[in-house]
Amino acid sequence: MRWLQALLVLFALMPCFLIGSLVSLSQESHWTRWLDRLNGSLSIGTPAKSHSPAVWKGNGIADFGTIKLMDYDPVTRISTAVQFRMDAVTAFPDQQQFDAFMSRLGHTIQDELLVTVRSSGAAERQDVDYLGKRVVTRVNRLLGREVLREVRITDLSILQFANATEKQTGGP
């Protein structure tokens, strides 16, 4: 009876082993495929047109425009507004390859940029070269290949302000 149960478990787990071995043998990065699936491989009705977060400027350079984010620290009650322009030197030789990538995974670059800025300390946020290198490293590592060669951050503006103190209401 126990050997029958073990045999049933083995047959039930067989597809998992098969899928796992196929994934490990594939040439393409697992994370890239996973991000592709998240980015709209399921479509119902007419496919939606993906809007790229960047504009091709030529020679592999992409303009991500002005990036704005607001961060709040509940411990210190300080809000930080960060705004800057971002250009990136990509590994794509022509606009067609660039557009194909950006329509699929372009928002990944922007998301990693925001995560990098938010997770950086106050001194690190002011060092645009450091932030650019961190974004390049994080994006290329996440996607499993060189997509970005350089990130250029310009027109950096950081504003910190303290929120008004909250009134405490006393109990009876």
Protein backbone atom coordinates (compact mmCIF):
# COMPACT_ATOMS: atom_id res chain seq x y z
CA MET A 1 0.00 0.00 0.00
CA ARG A 2 2.84 2.44 0.88
CA TRP A 3 4.67 1.76 -2.35
CA LEU A 4 1.48 2.58 -4.28
CA GLN A 5 1.24 5.94 -2.49
CA ALA A 6 4.90 6.66 -3.22
CA LEU A 7 4.36 5.78 -6.88
CA LEU A 8 1.35 8.13 -7.10
CA VAL A 9 3.37 10.98 -5.55
CA LEU A 10 6.20 10.33 -8.00
CA PHE A 11 3.83 10.48 -10.98
CA ALA A 12 2.19 13.63 -9.60
CA LEU A 13 5.58 15.38 -9.27
CA MET A 14 6.89 14.23 -12.66
CA PRO A 15 5.57 17.30 -14.57
CA CYS A 16 7.29 19.62 -12.07
CA PHE A 17 10.65 17.92 -12.64
CA LEU A 18 10.14 18.00 -16.40
CA ILE A 19 9.28 21.71 -16.46
CA GLY A 20 12.19 22.53 -14.14
CA SER A 21 14.68 20.71 -16.32
CA LEU A 22 13.36 22.38 -19.48
CA VAL A 23 13.73 25.81 -17.87
CA SER A 24 17.28 25.14 -16.75
CA LEU A 25 18.26 23.88 -20.20
CA SER A 26 16.86 26.84 -22.11
CA GLN A 27 19.16 29.49 -23.57
CA GLU A 28 17.05 32.47 -22.48
CA SER A 29 17.11 33.87 -18.96
CA HIS A 30 14.30 32.62 -16.73
CA TRP A 31 13.64 36.10 -15.33
CA THR A 32 13.25 37.64 -18.78
CA ARG A 33 10.55 35.11 -19.67
CA TRP A 34 8.87 35.62 -16.32
CA LEU A 35 8.81 39.39 -16.83
CA ASP A 36 7.46 38.90 -20.34
CA ARG A 37 4.58 36.89 -18.93
CA LEU A 38 3.84 39.59 -16.40
CA ASN A 39 3.94 42.24 -19.07
CA GLY A 40 0.95 41.05 -21.01
CA SER A 41 1.32 37.65 -22.62
CA LEU A 42 -2.30 37.07 -21.67
CA SER A 43 -4.63 39.15 -23.81
CA ILE A 44 -8.38 39.07 -24.08
CA GLY A 45 -9.93 40.72 -27.12
CA THR A 46 -7.72 43.12 -29.02
CA PRO A 47 -4.14 43.40 -27.78
CA ALA A 48 -3.30 46.58 -25.92
CA LYS A 49 -0.55 48.77 -27.30
CA SER A 50 2.28 49.10 -24.82
CA HIS A 51 3.56 52.61 -24.27
CA SER A 52 7.32 52.80 -23.98
CA PRO A 53 8.69 54.80 -21.04
CA ALA A 54 11.60 56.01 -23.21
CA VAL A 55 12.17 57.74 -26.53
CA TRP A 56 14.90 56.68 -28.99
CA LYS A 57 17.39 59.51 -29.58
CA GLY A 58 19.77 57.58 -31.84
CA ASN A 59 23.15 55.87 -31.36
CA GLY A 60 21.73 53.61 -28.64
CA ILE A 61 20.64 56.50 -26.41
CA ALA A 62 17.21 56.45 -24.79
CA ASP A 63 15.54 59.48 -23.19
CA PHE A 64 13.45 58.50 -20.17
CA GLY A 65 12.36 62.08 -19.59
CA THR A 66 11.76 63.62 -16.19
CA ILE A 67 11.47 61.20 -13.28
CA LYS A 68 9.65 62.37 -10.14
CA LEU A 69 9.14 60.54 -6.89
CA MET A 70 8.04 61.34 -3.37
CA ASP A 71 9.29 59.42 -0.35
CA TYR A 72 8.02 59.64 3.24
CA ASP A 73 9.84 58.46 6.37
CA PRO A 74 7.25 57.85 9.12
CA VAL A 75 9.90 57.73 11.85
CA THR A 76 11.35 61.18 11.19
CA ARG A 77 8.15 62.51 9.54
CA ILE A 78 10.22 63.91 6.72
CA SER A 79 9.08 63.81 3.10
CA THR A 80 11.60 63.89 0.29
CA ALA A 81 10.75 64.95 -3.26
CA VAL A 82 13.28 63.89 -5.89
CA GLN A 83 13.17 65.00 -9.51
CA PHE A 84 15.68 64.50 -12.35
CA ARG A 85 16.08 63.77 -16.04
CA MET A 86 17.42 60.42 -17.18
CA ASP A 87 19.12 59.27 -20.38
CA ALA A 88 20.48 55.78 -20.84
CA VAL A 89 23.02 54.32 -23.24
CA THR A 90 21.55 50.97 -24.27
CA ALA A 91 23.00 47.90 -25.95
CA PHE A 92 20.57 48.17 -28.88
CA PRO A 93 22.15 49.13 -32.22
CA ASP A 94 18.94 50.28 -33.95
CA GLN A 95 15.54 51.72 -33.15
CA GLN A 96 13.62 48.58 -34.16
CA GLN A 97 15.35 46.39 -31.53
CA PHE A 98 15.05 49.20 -28.99
CA ASP A 99 11.30 49.60 -29.59
CA ALA A 100 10.73 45.84 -29.38
CA PHE A 101 12.54 45.64 -26.04
CA MET A 102 10.94 48.77 -24.60
CA SER A 103 7.43 47.63 -25.45
CA ARG A 104 8.06 44.39 -23.53
CA LEU A 105 10.36 45.32 -20.65
CA GLY A 106 11.01 49.05 -20.73
CA HIS A 107 9.09 49.70 -17.53
CA THR A 108 11.46 47.33 -15.72
CA ILE A 109 14.25 49.89 -16.15
CA GLN A 110 12.08 52.68 -14.79
CA ASP A 111 10.91 50.54 -11.86
CA GLU A 112 14.46 49.57 -10.92
CA LEU A 113 15.47 53.21 -11.09
CA LEU A 114 12.73 54.16 -8.62
CA VAL A 115 13.63 51.26 -6.29
CA THR A 116 17.29 52.28 -6.41
CA VAL A 117 16.57 55.92 -5.57
CA ARG A 118 14.16 55.02 -2.77
CA SER A 119 16.56 52.53 -1.20
CA SER A 120 19.50 54.95 -1.29
CA GLY A 121 20.51 57.14 1.61
CA ALA A 122 20.44 60.95 1.48
CA ALA A 123 24.13 61.24 0.55
CA GLU A 124 23.85 58.52 -2.11
CA ARG A 125 20.85 60.25 -3.74
CA GLN A 126 22.99 63.32 -4.40
CA ASP A 127 25.69 61.33 -6.21
CA VAL A 128 24.26 60.98 -9.73
CA ASP A 129 27.19 58.85 -10.98
CA TYR A 130 26.68 56.35 -8.15
CA LEU A 131 22.92 56.15 -8.76
CA GLY A 132 23.47 55.63 -12.48
CA LYS A 133 25.95 52.79 -11.92
CA ARG A 134 23.60 51.12 -9.42
CA VAL A 135 20.71 51.24 -11.90
CA VAL A 136 22.87 49.74 -14.67
CA THR A 137 24.01 46.93 -12.38
CA ARG A 138 20.53 46.15 -11.04
CA VAL A 139 18.79 46.15 -14.44
CA ASN A 140 21.44 44.05 -16.19
CA ARG A 141 21.50 41.56 -13.32
CA LEU A 142 17.69 41.32 -13.24
CA LEU A 143 17.39 40.73 -16.98
CA GLY A 144 20.39 38.39 -17.20
CA ARG A 145 22.10 40.28 -20.02
CA GLU A 146 23.60 43.66 -20.83
CA VAL A 147 20.74 45.98 -21.67
CA LEU A 148 22.12 49.22 -20.24
CA ARG A 149 25.68 50.42 -20.62
CA GLU A 150 25.35 53.75 -18.85
CA VAL A 151 22.70 55.84 -17.11
CA ARG A 152 23.04 59.61 -17.12
CA ILE A 153 21.11 61.54 -14.48
CA THR A 154 20.92 65.32 -14.89
CA ASP A 155 18.97 68.24 -13.43
CA LEU A 156 18.77 66.59 -10.01
CA SER A 157 16.54 68.37 -7.51
CA ILE A 158 16.02 67.08 -3.96
CA LEU A 159 13.62 68.80 -1.58
CA GLN A 160 13.08 67.65 2.01
CA PHE A 161 10.34 69.00 4.21
CA ALA A 162 8.91 68.10 7.60
CA ASN A 163 5.23 67.37 7.87
CA ALA A 164 3.12 69.34 10.32
CA THR A 165 2.87 67.73 13.72
CA GLU A 166 -0.26 65.76 14.30
CA LYS A 167 -2.52 66.76 17.15
CA GLN A 168 -2.82 64.18 19.87
CA THR A 169 -6.27 63.67 21.24
CA GLY A 170 -6.44 62.80 24.90
CA GLY A 171 -8.69 60.13 26.35
CA PRO A 172 -11.36 60.76 29.00
